[in-house]
Amino acid sequence: MAAKRRPSFARFDLLELDGRDLRREPIERRKALLAKLLKGAHLTLVLNEHFYEDGAAVYRAACQVGCEGIVSKRLGSPYRSGRSKHWVKVKNPKAPAVKREAEENWGSSHWIRSKRRTVVTRGG
């Protein structure tokens, strides 16, 4: 009989602590506070690993173990919602979730119509 696996929740960033807004703090400070906060936490809460290494090498290693990809963040950067020149996401095209996304073409108007949702497009 296979061992029962429990879900875990990866924590990436800490935006607020005890009512204090941390979004303007540099990423390394927010990660350090998060690590301290999660130390001794329940096993289902895990700190997402971060590496101070060459991004290309980390990406290759992440792909080798089947990760969806990596997010590279510039040291000293504050939190910004949405896309940013200081945060770059690179997906692993061989990861199951990325393959599934490409196969199903999520977000395309065809996929949305096939799921019987209303399509809203710009300029047309």
PDB file of N, CA and C in Angstrom:
ATOM      1  N   MET A   1       0.843  -1.173   0.000  1.00  0.00           N
ATOM      2  CA  MET A   1       0.000   0.000   0.000  1.00  0.00           C
ATOM      3  C   MET A   1       0.895   1.246   0.000  1.00  0.00           C
ATOM      4  N   ALA A   2       0.607   2.177  -0.890  1.00  0.00           N
ATOM      5  CA  ALA A   2       1.412   3.398  -1.009  1.00  0.00           C
ATOM      6  C   ALA A   2       1.183   4.306   0.192  1.00  0.00           C
ATOM      7  N   ALA A   3       2.236   5.004   0.559  1.00  0.00           N
ATOM      8  CA  ALA A   3       2.126   5.960   1.668  1.00  0.00           C
ATOM      9  C   ALA A   3       1.234   7.116   1.245  1.00  0.00           C
ATOM     10  N   LYS A   4       0.425   7.573   2.157  1.00  0.00           N
ATOM     11  CA  LYS A   4      -0.474   8.685   1.876  1.00  0.00           C
ATOM     12  C   LYS A   4       0.331   9.988   1.901  1.00  0.00           C
ATOM     13  N   ARG A   5       0.235  10.751   0.829  1.00  0.00           N
ATOM     14  CA  ARG A   5       0.961  12.015   0.737  1.00  0.00           C
ATOM     15  C   ARG A   5       0.075  13.154   1.199  1.00  0.00           C
ATOM     16  N   ARG A   6       0.660  14.067   1.941  1.00  0.00           N
ATOM     17  CA  ARG A   6      -0.075  15.236   2.421  1.00  0.00           C
ATOM     18  C   ARG A   6       0.309  16.437   1.569  1.00  0.00           C
ATOM     19  N   PRO A   7      -0.645  17.299   1.302  1.00  0.00           N
ATOM     20  CA  PRO A   7      -0.298  18.495   0.533  1.00  0.00           C
ATOM     21  C   PRO A   7       0.592  19.421   1.351  1.00  0.00           C
ATOM     22  N   SER A   8       1.397  20.195   0.656  1.00  0.00           N
ATOM     23  CA  SER A   8       2.192  21.218   1.329  1.00  0.00           C
ATOM     24  C   SER A   8       1.972  22.536   0.597  1.00  0.00           C
ATOM     25  N   PHE A   9       2.160  23.612   1.309  1.00  0.00           N
ATOM     26  CA  PHE A   9       1.934  24.934   0.762  1.00  0.00           C
ATOM     27  C   PHE A   9       3.248  25.707   0.795  1.00  0.00           C
ATOM     28  N   ALA A  10       3.776  25.992  -0.393  1.00  0.00           N
ATOM     29  CA  ALA A  10       5.047  26.711  -0.499  1.00  0.00           C
ATOM     30  C   ALA A  10       4.800  28.197  -0.299  1.00  0.00           C
ATOM     31  N   ARG A  11       5.573  28.783   0.576  1.00  0.00           N
ATOM     32  CA  ARG A  11       5.481  30.211   0.858  1.00  0.00           C
ATOM     33  C   ARG A  11       6.634  30.889   0.137  1.00  0.00           C
ATOM     34  N   PHE A  12       6.338  31.922  -0.637  1.00  0.00           N
ATOM     35  CA  PHE A  12       7.331  32.584  -1.472  1.00  0.00           C
ATOM     36  C   PHE A  12       7.782  33.932  -0.931  1.00  0.00           C
ATOM     37  N   ASP A  13       6.879  34.635  -0.292  1.00  0.00           N
ATOM     38  CA  ASP A  13       7.160  36.014   0.079  1.00  0.00           C
ATOM     39  C   ASP A  13       6.305  36.379   1.282  1.00  0.00           C
ATOM     40  N   LEU A  14       6.672  37.448   1.954  1.00  0.00           N
ATOM     41  CA  LEU A  14       5.931  37.944   3.115  1.00  0.00           C
ATOM     42  C   LEU A  14       5.652  39.421   2.881  1.00  0.00           C
ATOM     43  N   LEU A  15       4.386  39.767   2.714  1.00  0.00           N
ATOM     44  CA  LEU A  15       4.018  41.135   2.374  1.00  0.00           C
ATOM     45  C   LEU A  15       3.575  41.958   3.573  1.00  0.00           C
ATOM     46  N   GLU A  16       3.146  41.284   4.647  1.00  0.00           N
ATOM     47  CA  GLU A  16       2.679  41.970   5.845  1.00  0.00           C
ATOM     48  C   GLU A  16       2.979  41.100   7.057  1.00  0.00           C
ATOM     49  N   LEU A  17       3.331  41.717   8.149  1.00  0.00           N
ATOM     50  CA  LEU A  17       3.577  40.986   9.386  1.00  0.00           C
ATOM     51  C   LEU A  17       3.093  41.829  10.555  1.00  0.00           C
ATOM     52  N   ASP A  18       2.184  41.277  11.327  1.00  0.00           N
ATOM     53  CA  ASP A  18       1.625  41.969  12.495  1.00  0.00           C
ATOM     54  C   ASP A  18       1.112  43.360  12.142  1.00  0.00           C
ATOM     55  N   GLY A  19       0.446  43.473  10.993  1.00  0.00           N
ATOM     56  CA  GLY A  19      -0.135  44.745  10.565  1.00  0.00           C
ATOM     57  C   GLY A  19       0.846  45.697   9.894  1.00  0.00           C
ATOM     58  N   ARG A  20       2.110  45.309   9.802  1.00  0.00           N
ATOM     59  CA  ARG A  20       3.134  46.155   9.171  1.00  0.00           C
ATOM     60  C   ARG A  20       3.301  45.777   7.706  1.00  0.00           C
ATOM     61  N   ASP A  21       3.150  46.743   6.818  1.00  0.00           N
ATOM     62  CA  ASP A  21       3.297  46.546   5.380  1.00  0.00           C
ATOM     63  C   ASP A  21       4.782  46.373   5.047  1.00  0.00           C
ATOM     64  N   LEU A  22       5.134  45.230   4.467  1.00  0.00           N
ATOM     65  CA  LEU A  22       6.531  44.934   4.148  1.00  0.00           C
ATOM     66  C   LEU A  22       6.854  45.062   2.657  1.00  0.00           C
ATOM     67  N   ARG A  23       5.888  45.490   1.855  1.00  0.00           N
ATOM     68  CA  ARG A  23       6.086  45.503   0.409  1.00  0.00           C
ATOM     69  C   ARG A  23       7.238  46.384  -0.057  1.00  0.00           C
ATOM     70  N   ARG A  24       7.587  47.400   0.702  1.00  0.00           N
ATOM     71  CA  ARG A  24       8.711  48.271   0.307  1.00  0.00           C
ATOM     72  C   ARG A  24      10.061  47.753   0.795  1.00  0.00           C
ATOM     73  N   GLU A  25      10.035  46.742   1.636  1.00  0.00           N
ATOM     74  CA  GLU A  25      11.286  46.140   2.130  1.00  0.00           C
ATOM     75  C   GLU A  25      11.940  45.346   1.000  1.00  0.00           C
ATOM     76  N   PRO A  26      13.257  45.249   0.985  1.00  0.00           N
ATOM     77  CA  PRO A  26      13.928  44.442  -0.046  1.00  0.00           C
ATOM     78  C   PRO A  26      13.565  42.958   0.092  1.00  0.00           C
ATOM     79  N   ILE A  27      13.597  42.260  -1.029  1.00  0.00           N
ATOM     80  CA  ILE A  27      13.222  40.849  -1.075  1.00  0.00           C
ATOM     81  C   ILE A  27      13.991  40.019  -0.053  1.00  0.00           C
ATOM     82  N   GLU A  28      15.286  40.281   0.124  1.00  0.00           N
ATOM     83  CA  GLU A  28      16.065  39.456   1.058  1.00  0.00           C
ATOM     84  C   GLU A  28      15.614  39.656   2.502  1.00  0.00           C
ATOM     85  N   ARG A  29      15.147  40.839   2.848  1.00  0.00           N
ATOM     86  CA  ARG A  29      14.623  41.088   4.204  1.00  0.00           C
ATOM     87  C   ARG A  29      13.287  40.358   4.387  1.00  0.00           C
ATOM     88  N   ARG A  30      12.425  40.439   3.389  1.00  0.00           N
ATOM     89  CA  ARG A  30      11.123  39.753   3.476  1.00  0.00           C
ATOM     90  C   ARG A  30      11.313  38.243   3.568  1.00  0.00           C
ATOM     91  N   LYS A  31      12.251  37.694   2.788  1.00  0.00           N
ATOM     92  CA  LYS A  31      12.507  36.246   2.831  1.00  0.00           C
ATOM     93  C   LYS A  31      13.068  35.829   4.191  1.00  0.00           C
ATOM     94  N   ALA A  32      13.956  36.650   4.772  1.00  0.00           N
ATOM     95  CA  ALA A  32      14.528  36.327   6.088  1.00  0.00           C
ATOM     96  C   ALA A  32      13.438  36.334   7.160  1.00  0.00           C
ATOM     97  N   LEU A  33      12.551  37.318   7.107  1.00  0.00           N
ATOM     98  CA  LEU A  33      11.445  37.371   8.068  1.00  0.00           C
ATOM     99  C   LEU A  33      10.521  36.169   7.891  1.00  0.00           C
ATOM    100  N   LEU A  34      10.269  35.797   6.651  1.00  0.00           N
ATOM    101  CA  LEU A  34       9.412  34.645   6.369  1.00  0.00           C
ATOM    102  C   LEU A  34      10.045  33.361   6.900  1.00  0.00           C
ATOM    103  N   ALA A  35      11.351  33.190   6.690  1.00  0.00           N
ATOM    104  CA  ALA A  35      12.052  31.995   7.178  1.00  0.00           C
ATOM    105  C   ALA A  35      11.944  31.910   8.697  1.00  0.00           C
ATOM    106  N   LYS A  36      12.125  33.024   9.362  1.00  0.00           N
ATOM    107  CA  LYS A  36      12.024  33.058  10.829  1.00  0.00           C
ATOM    108  C   LYS A  36      10.605  32.711  11.276  1.00  0.00           C
ATOM    109  N   LEU A  37       9.628  33.243  10.574  1.00  0.00           N
ATOM    110  CA  LEU A  37       8.224  33.004  10.907  1.00  0.00           C
ATOM    111  C   LEU A  37       7.846  31.530  10.719  1.00  0.00           C
ATOM    112  N   LEU A  38       8.383  30.895   9.684  1.00  0.00           N
ATOM    113  CA  LEU A  38       8.025  29.511   9.377  1.00  0.00           C
ATOM    114  C   LEU A  38       8.856  28.479  10.136  1.00  0.00           C
ATOM    115  N   LYS A  39       9.916  28.923  10.794  1.00  0.00           N
ATOM    116  CA  LYS A  39      10.745  27.986  11.546  1.00  0.00           C
ATOM    117  C   LYS A  39       9.880  27.316  12.619  1.00  0.00           C
ATOM    118  N   GLY A  40       9.827  25.995  12.573  1.00  0.00           N
ATOM    119  CA  GLY A  40       9.016  25.240  13.518  1.00  0.00           C
ATOM    120  C   GLY A  40       7.538  25.207  13.161  1.00  0.00           C
ATOM    121  N   ALA A  41       7.167  25.720  11.988  1.00  0.00           N
ATOM    122  CA  ALA A  41       5.761  25.710  11.559  1.00  0.00           C
ATOM    123  C   ALA A  41       5.334  24.289  11.201  1.00  0.00           C
ATOM    124  N   HIS A  42       4.051  24.096  11.055  1.00  0.00           N
ATOM    125  CA  HIS A  42       3.498  22.801  10.657  1.00  0.00           C
ATOM    126  C   HIS A  42       4.148  22.346   9.353  1.00  0.00           C
ATOM    127  N   LEU A  43       4.325  21.067   9.182  1.00  0.00           N
ATOM    128  CA  LEU A  43       5.013  20.504   8.018  1.00  0.00           C
ATOM    129  C   LEU A  43       4.350  20.839   6.689  1.00  0.00           C
ATOM    130  N   THR A  44       3.086  21.225   6.697  1.00  0.00           N
ATOM    131  CA  THR A  44       2.429  21.558   5.434  1.00  0.00           C
ATOM    132  C   THR A  44       2.799  22.952   4.938  1.00  0.00           C
ATOM    133  N   LEU A  45       3.428  23.773   5.788  1.00  0.00           N
ATOM    134  CA  LEU A  45       3.892  25.097   5.377  1.00  0.00           C
ATOM    135  C   LEU A  45       5.398  25.043   5.166  1.00  0.00           C
ATOM    136  N   VAL A  46       5.826  25.250   3.935  1.00  0.00           N
ATOM    137  CA  VAL A  46       7.255  25.170   3.635  1.00  0.00           C
ATOM    138  C   VAL A  46       7.731  26.461   2.974  1.00  0.00           C
ATOM    139  N   LEU A  47       8.951  26.825   3.273  1.00  0.00           N
ATOM    140  CA  LEU A  47       9.564  28.000   2.668  1.00  0.00           C
ATOM    141  C   LEU A  47      10.082  27.616   1.291  1.00  0.00           C
ATOM    142  N   ASN A  48       9.677  28.348   0.285  1.00  0.00           N
ATOM    143  CA  ASN A  48      10.186  28.096  -1.053  1.00  0.00           C
ATOM    144  C   ASN A  48      11.674  28.455  -1.079  1.00  0.00           C
ATOM    145  N   GLU A  49      12.489  27.521  -1.520  1.00  0.00           N
ATOM    146  CA  GLU A  49      13.942  27.721  -1.541  1.00  0.00           C
ATOM    147  C   GLU A  49      14.325  28.904  -2.432  1.00  0.00           C
ATOM    148  N   HIS A  50      15.374  29.580  -2.051  1.00  0.00           N
ATOM    149  CA  HIS A  50      15.947  30.608  -2.912  1.00  0.00           C
ATOM    150  C   HIS A  50      17.456  30.392  -2.967  1.00  0.00           C
ATOM    151  N   PHE A  51      18.031  30.766  -4.100  1.00  0.00           N
ATOM    152  CA  PHE A  51      19.438  30.505  -4.342  1.00  0.00           C
ATOM    153  C   PHE A  51      20.121  31.778  -4.824  1.00  0.00           C
ATOM    154  N   TYR A  52      21.295  32.044  -4.304  1.00  0.00           N
ATOM    155  CA  TYR A  52      22.113  33.164  -4.767  1.00  0.00           C
ATOM    156  C   TYR A  52      23.150  32.594  -5.727  1.00  0.00           C
ATOM    157  N   GLU A  53      22.677  32.130  -6.861  1.00  0.00           N
ATOM    158  CA  GLU A  53      23.528  31.460  -7.847  1.00  0.00           C
ATOM    159  C   GLU A  53      23.217  32.005  -9.230  1.00  0.00           C
ATOM    160  N   ASP A  54      23.986  31.531 -10.208  1.00  0.00           N
ATOM    161  CA  ASP A  54      23.750  31.873 -11.597  1.00  0.00           C
ATOM    162  C   ASP A  54      22.365  31.379 -12.016  1.00  0.00           C
ATOM    163  N   GLY A  55      21.538  32.277 -12.540  1.00  0.00           N
ATOM    164  CA  GLY A  55      20.161  31.941 -12.910  1.00  0.00           C
ATOM    165  C   GLY A  55      20.051  30.808 -13.907  1.00  0.00           C
ATOM    166  N   ALA A  56      20.939  30.778 -14.897  1.00  0.00           N
ATOM    167  CA  ALA A  56      20.892  29.721 -15.912  1.00  0.00           C
ATOM    168  C   ALA A  56      21.161  28.353 -15.288  1.00  0.00           C
ATOM    169  N   ALA A  57      22.105  28.304 -14.352  1.00  0.00           N
ATOM    170  CA  ALA A  57      22.426  27.030 -13.685  1.00  0.00           C
ATOM    171  C   ALA A  57      21.251  26.571 -12.810  1.00  0.00           C
ATOM    172  N   VAL A  58      20.630  27.491 -12.104  1.00  0.00           N
ATOM    173  CA  VAL A  58      19.474  27.144 -11.267  1.00  0.00           C
ATOM    174  C   VAL A  58      18.323  26.658 -12.149  1.00  0.00           C
ATOM    175  N   TYR A  59      18.106  27.332 -13.282  1.00  0.00           N
ATOM    176  CA  TYR A  59      17.044  26.929 -14.202  1.00  0.00           C
ATOM    177  C   TYR A  59      17.278  25.513 -14.722  1.00  0.00           C
ATOM    178  N   ARG A  60      18.507  25.219 -15.155  1.00  0.00           N
ATOM    179  CA  ARG A  60      18.813  23.863 -15.656  1.00  0.00           C
ATOM    180  C   ARG A  60      18.550  22.817 -14.573  1.00  0.00           C
ATOM    181  N   ALA A  61      18.983  23.099 -13.360  1.00  0.00           N
ATOM    182  CA  ALA A  61      18.770  22.144 -12.252  1.00  0.00           C
ATOM    183  C   ALA A  61      17.283  21.982 -11.961  1.00  0.00           C
ATOM    184  N   ALA A  62      16.537  23.068 -12.001  1.00  0.00           N
ATOM    185  CA  ALA A  62      15.083  23.000 -11.753  1.00  0.00           C
ATOM    186  C   ALA A  62      14.403  22.154 -12.828  1.00  0.00           C
ATOM    187  N   CYS A  63      14.823  22.321 -14.063  1.00  0.00           N
ATOM    188  CA  CYS A  63      14.243  21.529 -15.159  1.00  0.00           C
ATOM    189  C   CYS A  63      14.580  20.051 -15.006  1.00  0.00           C
ATOM    190  N   GLN A  64      15.790  19.747 -14.560  1.00  0.00           N
ATOM    191  CA  GLN A  64      16.206  18.354 -14.399  1.00  0.00           C
ATOM    192  C   GLN A  64      15.353  17.615 -13.371  1.00  0.00           C
ATOM    193  N   VAL A  65      14.878  18.325 -12.354  1.00  0.00           N
ATOM    194  CA  VAL A  65      14.052  17.664 -11.336  1.00  0.00           C
ATOM    195  C   VAL A  65      12.555  17.853 -11.591  1.00  0.00           C
ATOM    196  N   GLY A  66      12.196  18.440 -12.749  1.00  0.00           N
ATOM    197  CA  GLY A  66      10.799  18.531 -13.147  1.00  0.00           C
ATOM    198  C   GLY A  66      10.020  19.719 -12.620  1.00  0.00           C
ATOM    199  N   CYS A  67      10.713  20.739 -12.139  1.00  0.00           N
ATOM    200  CA  CYS A  67      10.010  21.941 -11.664  1.00  0.00           C
ATOM    201  C   CYS A  67       9.339  22.664 -12.831  1.00  0.00           C
ATOM    202  N   GLU A  68       8.301  23.421 -12.518  1.00  0.00           N
ATOM    203  CA  GLU A  68       7.574  24.179 -13.535  1.00  0.00           C
ATOM    204  C   GLU A  68       8.443  25.297 -14.121  1.00  0.00           C
ATOM    205  N   GLY A  69       9.374  25.779 -13.355  1.00  0.00           N
ATOM    206  CA  GLY A  69      10.252  26.850 -13.814  1.00  0.00           C
ATOM    207  C   GLY A  69      10.851  27.565 -12.625  1.00  0.00           C
ATOM    208  N   ILE A  70      11.389  28.754 -12.876  1.00  0.00           N
ATOM    209  CA  ILE A  70      11.963  29.555 -11.792  1.00  0.00           C
ATOM    210  C   ILE A  70      11.496  31.001 -11.929  1.00  0.00           C
ATOM    211  N   VAL A  71      11.592  31.727 -10.835  1.00  0.00           N
ATOM    212  CA  VAL A  71      11.373  33.169 -10.844  1.00  0.00           C
ATOM    213  C   VAL A  71      12.647  33.792 -10.301  1.00  0.00           C
ATOM    214  N   SER A  72      13.268  34.643 -11.095  1.00  0.00           N
ATOM    215  CA  SER A  72      14.484  35.343 -10.683  1.00  0.00           C
ATOM    216  C   SER A  72      14.093  36.734 -10.209  1.00  0.00           C
ATOM    217  N   LYS A  73      14.583  37.096  -9.029  1.00  0.00           N
ATOM    218  CA  LYS A  73      14.249  38.398  -8.449  1.00  0.00           C
ATOM    219  C   LYS A  73      15.539  39.158  -8.164  1.00  0.00           C
ATOM    220  N   ARG A  74      15.554  40.410  -8.550  1.00  0.00           N
ATOM    221  CA  ARG A  74      16.734  41.247  -8.313  1.00  0.00           C
ATOM    222  C   ARG A  74      16.862  41.534  -6.827  1.00  0.00           C
ATOM    223  N   LEU A  75      18.064  41.305  -6.287  1.00  0.00           N
ATOM    224  CA  LEU A  75      18.311  41.603  -4.878  1.00  0.00           C
ATOM    225  C   LEU A  75      18.010  43.076  -4.603  1.00  0.00           C
ATOM    226  N   GLY A  76      17.428  43.337  -3.462  1.00  0.00           N
ATOM    227  CA  GLY A  76      17.096  44.702  -3.077  1.00  0.00           C
ATOM    228  C   GLY A  76      15.764  45.187  -3.601  1.00  0.00           C
ATOM    229  N   SER A  77      15.079  44.352  -4.391  1.00  0.00           N
ATOM    230  CA  SER A  77      13.831  44.814  -4.998  1.00  0.00           C
ATOM    231  C   SER A  77      12.664  44.764  -4.021  1.00  0.00           C
ATOM    232  N   PRO A  78      11.828  45.811  -4.041  1.00  0.00           N
ATOM    233  CA  PRO A  78      10.602  45.791  -3.246  1.00  0.00           C
ATOM    234  C   PRO A  78       9.563  44.927  -3.957  1.00  0.00           C
ATOM    235  N   TYR A  79       8.463  44.654  -3.284  1.00  0.00           N
ATOM    236  CA  TYR A  79       7.383  43.878  -3.900  1.00  0.00           C
ATOM    237  C   TYR A  79       6.626  44.774  -4.874  1.00  0.00           C
ATOM    238  N   ARG A  80       6.330  44.249  -6.045  1.00  0.00           N
ATOM    239  CA  ARG A  80       5.473  44.912  -7.025  1.00  0.00           C
ATOM    240  C   ARG A  80       4.509  43.862  -7.558  1.00  0.00           C
ATOM    241  N   SER A  81       3.224  44.168  -7.571  1.00  0.00           N
ATOM    242  CA  SER A  81       2.273  43.213  -8.148  1.00  0.00           C
ATOM    243  C   SER A  81       2.395  43.269  -9.669  1.00  0.00           C
ATOM    244  N   GLY A  82       2.057  42.177 -10.316  1.00  0.00           N
ATOM    245  CA  GLY A  82       2.129  42.122 -11.771  1.00  0.00           C
ATOM    246  C   GLY A  82       3.540  41.918 -12.273  1.00  0.00           C
ATOM    247  N   ARG A  83       3.746  42.179 -13.534  1.00  0.00           N
ATOM    248  CA  ARG A  83       5.054  41.999 -14.173  1.00  0.00           C
ATOM    249  C   ARG A  83       6.006  43.121 -13.766  1.00  0.00           C
ATOM    250  N   SER A  84       7.293  42.793 -13.751  1.00  0.00           N
ATOM    251  CA  SER A  84       8.307  43.778 -13.368  1.00  0.00           C
ATOM    252  C   SER A  84       9.621  43.430 -14.043  1.00  0.00           C
ATOM    253  N   LYS A  85      10.422  44.446 -14.344  1.00  0.00           N
ATOM    254  CA  LYS A  85      11.748  44.185 -14.921  1.00  0.00           C
ATOM    255  C   LYS A  85      12.689  43.580 -13.889  1.00  0.00           C
ATOM    256  N   HIS A  86      12.321  43.654 -12.610  1.00  0.00           N
ATOM    257  CA  HIS A  86      13.159  43.123 -11.536  1.00  0.00           C
ATOM    258  C   HIS A  86      12.821  41.665 -11.190  1.00  0.00           C
ATOM    259  N   TRP A  87      11.715  41.153 -11.725  1.00  0.00           N
ATOM    260  CA  TRP A  87      11.302  39.775 -11.455  1.00  0.00           C
ATOM    261  C   TRP A  87      11.036  39.106 -12.800  1.00  0.00           C
ATOM    262  N   VAL A  88      11.741  38.027 -13.084  1.00  0.00           N
ATOM    263  CA  VAL A  88      11.605  37.350 -14.372  1.00  0.00           C
ATOM    264  C   VAL A  88      11.218  35.896 -14.136  1.00  0.00           C
ATOM    265  N   LYS A  89      10.130  35.468 -14.759  1.00  0.00           N
ATOM    266  CA  LYS A  89       9.655  34.084 -14.650  1.00  0.00           C
ATOM    267  C   LYS A  89      10.045  33.343 -15.929  1.00  0.00           C
ATOM    268  N   VAL A  90      10.693  32.169 -15.773  1.00  0.00           N
ATOM    269  CA  VAL A  90      11.087  31.345 -16.912  1.00  0.00           C
ATOM    270  C   VAL A  90      10.499  29.958 -16.697  1.00  0.00           C
ATOM    271  N   LYS A  91       9.649  29.521 -17.622  1.00  0.00           N
ATOM    272  CA  LYS A  91       8.974  28.233 -17.492  1.00  0.00           C
ATOM    273  C   LYS A  91       9.779  27.108 -18.138  1.00  0.00           C
ATOM    274  N   ASN A  92       9.615  25.906 -17.575  1.00  0.00           N
ATOM    275  CA  ASN A  92      10.214  24.690 -18.109  1.00  0.00           C
ATOM    276  C   ASN A  92       9.209  24.085 -19.093  1.00  0.00           C
ATOM    277  N   PRO A  93       9.470  24.108 -20.394  1.00  0.00           N
ATOM    278  CA  PRO A  93       8.491  23.609 -21.366  1.00  0.00           C
ATOM    279  C   PRO A  93       8.189  22.120 -21.231  1.00  0.00           C
ATOM    280  N   LYS A  94       9.037  21.365 -20.522  1.00  0.00           N
ATOM    281  CA  LYS A  94       8.813  19.924 -20.361  1.00  0.00           C
ATOM    282  C   LYS A  94       8.048  19.580 -19.087  1.00  0.00           C
ATOM    283  N   ALA A  95       7.784  20.559 -18.236  1.00  0.00           N
ATOM    284  CA  ALA A  95       7.049  20.298 -16.994  1.00  0.00           C
ATOM    285  C   ALA A  95       5.594  19.973 -17.321  1.00  0.00           C
ATOM    286  N   PRO A  96       4.992  19.001 -16.629  1.00  0.00           N
ATOM    287  CA  PRO A  96       3.614  18.605 -16.930  1.00  0.00           C
ATOM    288  C   PRO A  96       2.623  19.766 -16.948  1.00  0.00           C
ATOM    289  N   ALA A  97       2.704  20.675 -15.983  1.00  0.00           N
ATOM    290  CA  ALA A  97       1.746  21.788 -15.927  1.00  0.00           C
ATOM    291  C   ALA A  97       1.917  22.717 -17.125  1.00  0.00           C
ATOM    292  N   VAL A  98       3.149  22.949 -17.539  1.00  0.00           N
ATOM    293  CA  VAL A  98       3.411  23.833 -18.673  1.00  0.00           C
ATOM    294  C   VAL A  98       2.975  23.164 -19.972  1.00  0.00           C
ATOM    295  N   LYS A  99       3.234  21.848 -20.102  1.00  0.00           N
ATOM    296  CA  LYS A  99       2.780  21.102 -21.282  1.00  0.00           C
ATOM    297  C   LYS A  99       1.263  21.145 -21.397  1.00  0.00           C
ATOM    298  N   ARG A 100       0.604  20.911 -20.258  1.00  0.00           N
ATOM    299  CA  ARG A 100      -0.859  20.917 -20.237  1.00  0.00           C
ATOM    300  C   ARG A 100      -1.387  22.280 -20.652  1.00  0.00           C
ATOM    301  N   GLU A 101      -0.773  23.324 -20.157  1.00  0.00           N
ATOM    302  CA  GLU A 101      -1.189  24.689 -20.506  1.00  0.00           C
ATOM    303  C   GLU A 101      -1.054  24.909 -22.010  1.00  0.00           C
ATOM    304  N   ALA A 102       0.066  24.465 -22.588  1.00  0.00           N
ATOM    305  CA  ALA A 102       0.295  24.634 -24.022  1.00  0.00           C
ATOM    306  C   ALA A 102      -0.683  23.792 -24.840  1.00  0.00           C
ATOM    307  N   GLU A 103      -0.928  22.556 -24.402  1.00  0.00           N
ATOM    308  CA  GLU A 103      -1.845  21.671 -25.124  1.00  0.00           C
ATOM    309  C   GLU A 103      -3.263  22.205 -25.116  1.00  0.00           C
ATOM    310  N   GLU A 104      -3.680  22.742 -23.991  1.00  0.00           N
ATOM    311  CA  GLU A 104      -5.049  23.233 -23.874  1.00  0.00           C
ATOM    312  C   GLU A 104      -5.163  24.676 -24.318  1.00  0.00           C
ATOM    313  N   ASN A 105      -4.018  25.334 -24.545  1.00  0.00           N
ATOM    314  CA  ASN A 105      -3.991  26.721 -25.002  1.00  0.00           C
ATOM    315  C   ASN A 105      -4.866  27.598 -24.106  1.00  0.00           C
ATOM    316  N   TRP A 106      -4.640  27.486 -22.810  1.00  0.00           N
ATOM    317  CA  TRP A 106      -5.419  28.260 -21.844  1.00  0.00           C
ATOM    318  C   TRP A 106      -5.363  29.727 -22.159  1.00  0.00           C
ATOM    319  N   GLY A 107      -6.478  30.377 -22.011  1.00  0.00           N
ATOM    320  CA  GLY A 107      -6.536  31.813 -22.225  1.00  0.00           C
ATOM    321  C   GLY A 107      -6.916  32.179 -23.647  1.00  0.00           C
ATOM    322  N   SER A 108      -6.854  31.215 -24.588  1.00  0.00           N
ATOM    323  CA  SER A 108      -7.246  31.547 -25.955  1.00  0.00           C
ATOM    324  C   SER A 108      -8.762  31.688 -26.021  1.00  0.00           C
ATOM    325  N   SER A 109      -9.226  32.480 -26.958  1.00  0.00           N
ATOM    326  CA  SER A 109     -10.673  32.669 -27.075  1.00  0.00           C
ATOM    327  C   SER A 109     -11.364  31.351 -27.414  1.00  0.00           C
ATOM    328  N   HIS A 110     -10.700  30.463 -28.187  1.00  0.00           N
ATOM    329  CA  HIS A 110     -11.283  29.152 -28.509  1.00  0.00           C
ATOM    330  C   HIS A 110     -11.480  28.321 -27.241  1.00  0.00           C
ATOM    331  N   TRP A 111     -10.457  28.272 -26.393  1.00  0.00           N
ATOM    332  CA  TRP A 111     -10.548  27.495 -25.148  1.00  0.00           C
ATOM    333  C   TRP A 111     -11.649  28.051 -24.261  1.00  0.00           C
ATOM    334  N   ILE A 112     -11.713  29.349 -24.168  1.00  0.00           N
ATOM    335  CA  ILE A 112     -12.730  29.968 -23.311  1.00  0.00           C
ATOM    336  C   ILE A 112     -14.123  29.658 -23.843  1.00  0.00           C
ATOM    337  N   ARG A 113     -14.335  29.775 -25.155  1.00  0.00           N
ATOM    338  CA  ARG A 113     -15.650  29.459 -25.729  1.00  0.00           C
ATOM    339  C   ARG A 113     -15.994  27.983 -25.518  1.00  0.00           C
ATOM    340  N   SER A 114     -14.982  27.123 -25.625  1.00  0.00           N
ATOM    341  CA  SER A 114     -15.246  25.689 -25.463  1.00  0.00           C
ATOM    342  C   SER A 114     -15.663  25.362 -24.039  1.00  0.00           C
ATOM    343  N   LYS A 115     -15.322  26.205 -23.102  1.00  0.00           N
ATOM    344  CA  LYS A 115     -15.714  25.997 -21.706  1.00  0.00           C
ATOM    345  C   LYS A 115     -16.984  26.780 -21.370  1.00  0.00           C
ATOM    346  N   ARG A 116     -17.635  27.315 -22.413  1.00  0.00           N
ATOM    347  CA  ARG A 116     -18.905  28.042 -22.293  1.00  0.00           C
ATOM    348  C   ARG A 116     -18.805  29.248 -21.359  1.00  0.00           C
ATOM    349  N   ARG A 117     -17.749  29.995 -21.555  1.00  0.00           N
ATOM    350  CA  ARG A 117     -17.582  31.229 -20.805  1.00  0.00           C
ATOM    351  C   ARG A 117     -17.711  32.400 -21.760  1.00  0.00           C
ATOM    352  N   THR A 118     -18.030  33.547 -21.269  1.00  0.00           N
ATOM    353  CA  THR A 118     -18.123  34.755 -22.085  1.00  0.00           C
ATOM    354  C   THR A 118     -16.714  35.232 -22.402  1.00  0.00           C
ATOM    355  N   VAL A 119     -16.505  35.552 -23.653  1.00  0.00           N
ATOM    356  CA  VAL A 119     -15.200  36.033 -24.102  1.00  0.00           C
ATOM    357  C   VAL A 119     -15.246  37.562 -24.178  1.00  0.00           C
ATOM    358  N   VAL A 120     -14.294  38.206 -23.552  1.00  0.00           N
ATOM    359  CA  VAL A 120     -14.175  39.652 -23.636  1.00  0.00           C
ATOM    360  C   VAL A 120     -12.810  39.926 -24.251  1.00  0.00           C
ATOM    361  N   THR A 121     -12.803  40.610 -25.398  1.00  0.00           N
ATOM    362  CA  THR A 121     -11.535  40.917 -26.057  1.00  0.00           C
ATOM    363  C   THR A 121     -11.430  42.426 -26.240  1.00  0.00           C
ATOM    364  N   ARG A 122     -10.196  42.893 -26.356  1.00  0.00           N
ATOM    365  CA  ARG A 122      -9.964  44.315 -26.611  1.00  0.00           C
ATOM    366  C   ARG A 122     -10.105  44.597 -28.087  1.00  0.00           C
ATOM    367  N   GLY A 123     -10.708  45.721 -28.395  1.00  0.00           N
ATOM    368  CA  GLY A 123     -10.775  46.204 -29.767  1.00  0.00           C
ATOM    369  C   GLY A 123     -11.600  45.358 -30.707  1.00  0.00           C
ATOM    370  N   GLY A 124     -12.489  44.564 -30.200  1.00  0.00           N
ATOM    371  CA  GLY A 124     -13.237  43.781 -31.166  1.00  0.00           C
ATOM    372  C   GLY A 124     -14.301  43.035 -30.520  1.00  0.00           C
TER     373      GLY A 124
END
